[in-house]
Amino acid sequence: MVSLKEISALIDQGIANLPIPAKPEGLYGPIRYTMESGGKRLRPTLLLTCAAACGGDIKKSLPQALGLEMFHNFTLLHDDVMDNAEVRRGRPTVHRRWNRNTAILSGDAMLTLASQLMGDCDKAILPEVMSIFNKTALEVYEGQQLDMDYESRLDVTIPEYIDMIRLKTSVLLACACRMGVLTAGGSEKLMDDLYEYGESLGIAFQLQDDYLDTFGDPLVFGKETGGDILNEKKTWLWISACNEDESGVMQEAIAGKYNEDDKVKNVREVYRRLELDKRIVDLIGVYSNMALDALSRTGLGHEEKEILTGLTRSLATRVN
């Protein structure tokens, strides 16, 4: 079984060698800027780890791993435009460094490049690879639309929120797990079990991201905190606070009675008073354990499980 360090090195090398054209610079420069900006590389790591876990040659699965990373970064370019975000991974977002039109067009090009990478596989599995990729892409778009729809709704429920983040975030992690098994020639059962693992892991991951957006250190997190509060994103924290706050602070925040600094400060205080900061950490643990339960049913060997178990625990406690 290869190590996560070896997998990480292969991904870094693959990204450095991506065949991104030089011209026109206005189209491809932002793509190189985005792909070189780092990040957790979680999706390609999951794909290659799952491929290795069922005995595959991870180099043969690398194009699909890079394709998912390209697709993920494409969604970030467009997300940052929609959210009017200033910073991504500690650097100006593409639409800030260039402009909105460039971010949109370069994102479009990234989607095409991602599709080309996904199609670089054994022809025998090409239809299934593209079917999984396209189904997942549409689910991600559905999740993003729900996220935007919920911004103007005051009655979003916790189950609706969990389903939204399942679509927006976790299906792509689950896709990475399934794709890793598929490209390595693994069984249908293993694909299903690891898909379930990735889905639960993705929900835990997004809950942790929501926690960090409010309570993380901006210097470590890589972007300003409090953005979800300012945009009134219907996160687990926001929905729970609206349901439970009796002080009137949440109503005043929604009514626009605070400036930006006071809005973040006062809502964050409500979260802490209701101990939502502690309760969301417990919920992250619940979904992490669900992921580990799915992993236990895969029949993988001890070494293979240990790598994925370690990855799960590190994501549930990450600070960036």
Protein backbone atom coordinates (compact mmCIF):
# COMPACT_ATOMS: atom_id res chain seq x y z
CA MET A 1 0.00 0.00 0.00
CA VAL A 2 1.42 3.39 -0.99
CA SER A 3 1.60 6.14 1.62
CA LEU A 4 -0.30 9.41 1.66
CA LYS A 5 3.05 11.16 1.22
CA GLU A 6 3.66 9.25 -2.02
CA ILE A 7 0.14 10.00 -3.21
CA SER A 8 0.55 13.69 -2.40
CA ALA A 9 3.84 13.84 -4.32
CA LEU A 10 2.24 12.20 -7.36
CA ILE A 11 -0.66 14.68 -7.29
CA ASP A 12 1.69 17.66 -6.96
CA GLN A 13 3.76 16.40 -9.88
CA GLY A 14 0.63 15.80 -11.94
CA ILE A 15 -0.67 19.31 -11.31
CA ALA A 16 2.71 20.81 -12.17
CA ASN A 17 2.68 18.90 -15.47
CA LEU A 18 -0.90 19.69 -16.47
CA PRO A 19 -1.01 20.52 -20.20
CA ILE A 20 -2.51 23.98 -19.75
CA PRO A 21 -1.91 26.06 -22.92
CA ALA A 22 0.14 29.24 -22.71
CA LYS A 23 -2.08 31.47 -24.83
CA PRO A 24 -4.28 33.35 -24.55
CA GLU A 25 -2.79 34.27 -21.20
CA GLY A 26 -6.00 36.00 -20.13
CA LEU A 27 -7.82 32.66 -20.28
CA TYR A 28 -5.19 30.22 -19.05
CA GLY A 29 -3.23 32.40 -16.61
CA PRO A 30 -6.04 32.37 -14.03
CA ILE A 31 -6.26 28.58 -14.36
CA ARG A 32 -2.56 28.15 -13.58
CA TYR A 33 -2.93 30.66 -10.73
CA THR A 34 -5.80 28.62 -9.30
CA MET A 35 -4.24 25.19 -9.69
CA GLU A 36 -0.91 26.34 -8.22
CA SER A 37 -2.52 27.92 -5.17
CA GLY A 38 -2.40 24.75 -3.10
CA GLY A 39 -5.36 23.51 -1.11
CA LYS A 40 -5.98 20.21 0.61
CA ARG A 41 -6.13 18.18 -2.65
CA LEU A 42 -8.66 16.04 -0.81
CA ARG A 43 -10.56 14.76 -3.84
CA PRO A 44 -7.57 13.45 -5.81
CA THR A 45 -6.11 12.06 -2.58
CA LEU A 46 -9.29 10.11 -1.88
CA LEU A 47 -9.46 8.83 -5.45
CA LEU A 48 -5.88 7.58 -5.51
CA THR A 49 -6.08 6.19 -1.97
CA CYS A 50 -9.18 4.17 -2.85
CA ALA A 51 -7.54 2.98 -6.08
CA ALA A 52 -4.48 1.85 -4.14
CA ALA A 53 -6.63 0.20 -1.47
CA CYS A 54 -8.01 -2.27 -3.99
CA GLY A 55 -4.64 -3.01 -5.55
CA GLY A 56 -4.68 -0.62 -8.49
CA ASP A 57 -1.79 1.18 -10.17
CA ILE A 58 -2.43 4.73 -8.99
CA LYS A 59 -0.61 6.23 -11.97
CA LYS A 60 -3.35 4.85 -14.21
CA SER A 61 -5.95 6.62 -12.05
CA LEU A 62 -4.07 9.93 -11.98
CA PRO A 63 -5.91 11.60 -14.91
CA GLN A 64 -9.25 11.10 -13.16
CA ALA A 65 -7.79 12.37 -9.89
CA LEU A 66 -6.52 15.50 -11.62
CA GLY A 67 -9.83 15.85 -13.46
CA LEU A 68 -11.77 15.94 -10.18
CA GLU A 69 -9.34 18.48 -8.75
CA MET A 70 -9.72 20.64 -11.85
CA PHE A 71 -13.51 20.36 -11.62
CA HIS A 72 -13.48 21.25 -7.91
CA ASN A 73 -11.39 24.34 -8.58
CA PHE A 74 -13.69 25.33 -11.43
CA THR A 75 -16.59 25.37 -8.96
CA LEU A 76 -14.54 27.55 -6.58
CA LEU A 77 -13.95 30.18 -9.26
CA HIS A 78 -17.67 30.47 -9.90
CA ASP A 79 -18.56 30.21 -6.18
CA ASP A 80 -16.25 33.14 -5.42
CA VAL A 81 -17.94 35.24 -8.09
CA MET A 82 -21.41 34.39 -6.75
CA ASP A 83 -20.34 35.05 -3.15
CA ASN A 84 -18.27 38.13 -4.08
CA ALA A 85 -15.44 36.59 -2.05
CA GLU A 86 -12.22 38.55 -1.66
CA VAL A 87 -9.73 35.86 -0.63
CA ARG A 88 -9.20 32.18 -1.44
CA ARG A 89 -6.36 30.16 0.11
CA GLY A 90 -4.75 33.32 1.41
CA ARG A 91 -4.61 35.02 -2.01
CA PRO A 92 -6.94 37.34 -3.94
CA THR A 93 -9.71 35.46 -5.70
CA VAL A 94 -9.52 35.33 -9.50
CA HIS A 95 -12.33 37.82 -10.00
CA ARG A 96 -10.49 40.26 -7.70
CA ARG A 97 -7.07 39.82 -9.25
CA TRP A 98 -8.50 39.92 -12.80
CA ASN A 99 -12.25 40.54 -13.14
CA ARG A 100 -15.60 38.75 -13.00
CA ASN A 101 -15.78 37.96 -16.71
CA THR A 102 -12.32 36.41 -16.64
CA ALA A 103 -13.23 34.26 -13.64
CA ILE A 104 -16.37 33.01 -15.37
CA LEU A 105 -14.66 32.24 -18.69
CA SER A 106 -11.57 30.65 -17.12
CA GLY A 107 -13.92 28.56 -14.98
CA ASP A 108 -15.71 27.40 -18.12
CA ALA A 109 -12.37 26.38 -19.63
CA MET A 110 -11.49 24.48 -16.46
CA LEU A 111 -14.69 22.46 -16.76
CA THR A 112 -13.71 21.44 -20.30
CA LEU A 113 -10.17 20.56 -19.23
CA ALA A 114 -11.61 18.51 -16.36
CA SER A 115 -13.80 16.56 -18.79
CA GLN A 116 -10.81 15.86 -21.02
CA LEU A 117 -8.84 14.52 -18.07
CA MET A 118 -11.75 12.35 -16.92
CA GLY A 119 -11.96 10.79 -20.38
CA ASP A 120 -8.30 9.74 -20.33
CA CYS A 121 -8.92 6.15 -19.19
CA ASP A 122 -9.34 2.60 -20.42
CA LYS A 123 -12.02 2.66 -23.13
CA ALA A 124 -13.78 -0.27 -21.43
CA ILE A 125 -14.72 1.89 -18.46
CA LEU A 126 -15.01 5.25 -20.27
CA PRO A 127 -18.85 5.27 -20.41
CA GLU A 128 -19.13 4.54 -16.68
CA VAL A 129 -16.43 7.05 -15.77
CA MET A 130 -18.17 9.84 -17.69
CA SER A 131 -21.60 8.81 -16.42
CA ILE A 132 -20.44 9.05 -12.79
CA PHE A 133 -18.65 12.34 -13.43
CA ASN A 134 -21.60 13.98 -15.22
CA LYS A 135 -24.13 12.79 -12.65
CA THR A 136 -21.96 14.16 -9.86
CA ALA A 137 -21.42 17.48 -11.63
CA LEU A 138 -25.17 18.02 -11.97
CA GLU A 139 -25.67 17.18 -8.30
CA VAL A 140 -23.04 19.75 -7.33
CA TYR A 141 -24.85 22.38 -9.41
CA GLU A 142 -28.14 21.40 -7.75
CA GLY A 143 -26.55 21.87 -4.34
CA GLN A 144 -25.18 25.27 -5.30
CA GLN A 145 -28.62 26.37 -6.55
CA LEU A 146 -30.24 25.24 -3.29
CA ASP A 147 -27.58 27.15 -1.37
CA MET A 148 -28.50 30.31 -3.28
CA ASP A 149 -32.24 29.66 -2.94
CA TYR A 150 -31.90 29.28 0.81
CA GLU A 151 -30.31 32.72 1.19
CA SER A 152 -33.71 34.35 0.67
CA ARG A 153 -35.68 31.85 2.77
CA LEU A 154 -36.26 32.18 6.51
CA ASP A 155 -37.74 28.71 7.00
CA VAL A 156 -34.88 26.43 5.92
CA THR A 157 -34.75 23.30 8.07
CA ILE A 158 -31.75 21.33 9.29
CA PRO A 159 -32.66 18.30 7.09
CA GLU A 160 -32.85 20.62 4.05
CA TYR A 161 -29.44 22.04 4.92
CA ILE A 162 -27.88 18.58 5.32
CA ASP A 163 -29.24 17.50 1.94
CA MET A 164 -27.95 20.70 0.35
CA ILE A 165 -24.39 20.15 1.59
CA ARG A 166 -24.62 16.50 0.60
CA LEU A 167 -25.17 17.67 -2.96
CA LYS A 168 -22.87 20.68 -2.94
CA THR A 169 -19.91 19.07 -1.20
CA SER A 170 -20.10 15.44 -0.22
CA VAL A 171 -21.16 13.83 -3.52
CA LEU A 172 -17.87 14.96 -5.06
CA LEU A 173 -15.89 13.24 -2.30
CA ALA A 174 -18.08 10.16 -2.70
CA CYS A 175 -17.49 10.32 -6.47
CA ALA A 176 -13.73 10.37 -5.86
CA CYS A 177 -13.99 7.18 -3.79
CA ARG A 178 -16.17 5.40 -6.36
CA MET A 179 -13.97 6.54 -9.24
CA GLY A 180 -10.85 5.28 -7.50
CA VAL A 181 -12.32 1.81 -7.14
CA LEU A 182 -13.68 1.82 -10.71
CA THR A 183 -10.38 2.81 -12.32
CA ALA A 184 -8.56 0.17 -10.28
CA GLY A 185 -10.97 -2.62 -11.28
CA GLY A 186 -12.61 -3.04 -7.87
CA SER A 187 -16.00 -4.59 -7.16
CA GLU A 188 -19.40 -2.93 -7.28
CA LYS A 189 -19.87 -3.58 -3.55
CA LEU A 190 -16.61 -1.83 -2.74
CA MET A 191 -17.65 1.11 -4.91
CA ASP A 192 -20.95 1.34 -3.01
CA ASP A 193 -19.35 1.04 0.44
CA LEU A 194 -16.67 3.62 -0.26
CA TYR A 195 -19.23 5.94 -1.87
CA GLU A 196 -21.16 5.84 1.41
CA TYR A 197 -17.91 6.48 3.27
CA GLY A 198 -17.14 9.51 1.10
CA GLU A 199 -20.67 10.88 1.42
CA SER A 200 -20.59 10.88 5.23
CA LEU A 201 -17.04 12.20 5.22
CA GLY A 202 -18.14 15.05 2.94
CA ILE A 203 -20.92 16.14 5.29
CA ALA A 204 -18.48 16.14 8.22
CA PHE A 205 -16.01 18.09 6.07
CA GLN A 206 -18.58 20.79 5.17
CA LEU A 207 -19.77 21.12 8.76
CA GLN A 208 -16.14 21.65 9.76
CA ASP A 209 -15.79 24.24 7.00
CA ASP A 210 -18.87 26.07 8.33
CA TYR A 211 -17.39 25.98 11.83
CA LEU A 212 -14.08 27.39 10.60
CA ASP A 213 -15.79 30.16 8.63
CA THR A 214 -17.11 31.50 11.92
CA PHE A 215 -14.59 30.42 14.53
CA GLY A 216 -11.38 29.80 12.57
CA ASP A 217 -8.22 31.91 12.51
CA PRO A 218 -8.22 33.86 9.21
CA LEU A 219 -4.42 33.52 8.92
CA VAL A 220 -4.72 29.74 9.19
CA PHE A 221 -8.08 29.31 7.44
CA GLY A 222 -6.85 31.19 4.36
CA LYS A 223 -9.77 33.62 4.08
CA GLU A 224 -11.67 36.10 6.22
CA THR A 225 -14.02 34.56 8.75
CA GLY A 226 -17.61 35.65 9.23
CA GLY A 227 -18.54 35.56 5.55
CA ASP A 228 -21.34 33.05 6.12
CA ILE A 229 -22.86 35.33 8.75
CA LEU A 230 -22.63 38.44 6.56
CA ASN A 231 -24.25 36.57 3.65
CA GLU A 232 -26.79 34.95 6.00
CA LYS A 233 -25.86 31.54 4.64
CA LYS A 234 -28.23 28.94 5.96
CA THR A 235 -25.61 26.88 7.73
CA TRP A 236 -26.32 24.51 10.62
CA LEU A 237 -25.10 27.27 12.95
CA TRP A 238 -27.36 29.97 11.49
CA ILE A 239 -30.48 27.78 11.26
CA SER A 240 -30.02 26.47 14.81
CA ALA A 241 -29.50 29.98 16.17
CA CYS A 242 -32.62 31.29 14.43
CA ASN A 243 -34.62 28.42 15.92
CA GLU A 244 -33.27 28.79 19.45
CA ASP A 245 -32.30 32.44 20.04
CA GLU A 246 -34.70 34.26 22.38
CA SER A 247 -32.66 37.45 22.73
CA GLY A 248 -33.80 39.01 19.47
CA VAL A 249 -30.27 39.29 18.10
CA MET A 250 -30.90 36.96 15.16
CA GLN A 251 -34.08 38.86 14.22
CA GLU A 252 -32.20 42.16 14.38
CA ALA A 253 -29.39 40.72 12.24
CA ILE A 254 -31.87 39.59 9.60
CA ALA A 255 -33.57 43.01 9.74
CA GLY A 256 -30.25 44.71 8.92
CA LYS A 257 -29.92 46.62 12.19
CA TYR A 258 -26.17 46.00 12.55
CA ASN A 259 -23.15 47.11 10.57
CA GLU A 260 -20.96 44.32 9.22
CA ASP A 261 -18.56 44.14 12.16
CA ASP A 262 -21.33 44.19 14.76
CA LYS A 263 -23.37 41.64 12.82
CA VAL A 264 -20.53 39.11 12.87
CA LYS A 265 -19.67 39.88 16.50
CA ASN A 266 -23.24 39.68 17.82
CA VAL A 267 -24.24 36.56 15.89
CA ARG A 268 -21.03 34.82 16.90
CA GLU A 269 -21.87 35.63 20.53
CA VAL A 270 -25.31 34.05 20.09
CA TYR A 271 -23.66 30.91 18.71
CA ARG A 272 -21.39 30.69 21.74
CA ARG A 273 -24.16 31.43 24.24
CA LEU A 274 -26.23 28.59 22.78
CA GLU A 275 -23.08 26.41 22.75
CA LEU A 276 -23.54 25.84 19.03
CA ASP A 277 -19.77 25.95 18.60
CA LYS A 278 -19.50 22.86 20.82
CA ARG A 279 -22.59 21.14 19.43
CA ILE A 280 -21.45 21.39 15.82
CA VAL A 281 -18.16 19.77 16.79
CA ASP A 282 -20.18 16.88 18.25
CA LEU A 283 -22.19 16.65 15.02
CA ILE A 284 -18.98 16.55 12.98
CA GLY A 285 -18.01 13.59 15.12
CA VAL A 286 -21.30 11.85 14.38
CA TYR A 287 -20.79 12.03 10.61
CA SER A 288 -17.12 11.11 10.91
CA ASN A 289 -18.13 7.99 12.80
CA MET A 290 -20.72 7.21 10.11
CA ALA A 291 -17.90 7.38 7.56
CA LEU A 292 -15.77 5.04 9.66
CA ASP A 293 -18.70 2.62 10.04
CA ALA A 294 -19.05 2.48 6.24
CA LEU A 295 -15.31 1.94 5.97
CA SER A 296 -15.51 -1.00 8.39
CA ARG A 297 -17.92 -2.76 6.03
CA THR A 298 -15.63 -2.60 2.99
CA GLY A 299 -13.60 -5.71 3.79
CA LEU A 300 -10.37 -3.81 3.10
CA GLY A 301 -7.21 -4.85 4.88
CA HIS A 302 -5.99 -3.22 8.08
CA GLU A 303 -3.33 -1.07 6.40
CA GLU A 304 -5.76 0.26 3.78
CA LYS A 305 -8.38 1.07 6.41
CA GLU A 306 -5.84 2.79 8.64
CA ILE A 307 -4.87 5.26 5.92
CA LEU A 308 -8.50 6.23 5.30
CA THR A 309 -9.24 6.27 9.04
CA GLY A 310 -6.36 8.67 9.63
CA LEU A 311 -7.52 10.88 6.78
CA THR A 312 -11.04 10.97 8.24
CA ARG A 313 -9.87 11.98 11.70
CA SER A 314 -7.50 14.65 10.37
CA LEU A 315 -10.28 16.26 8.33
CA ALA A 316 -12.69 16.29 11.27
CA THR A 317 -10.21 18.25 13.40
CA ARG A 318 -8.51 20.41 10.78
CA VAL A 319 -7.93 24.14 11.34
CA ASN A 320 -7.76 25.26 7.69
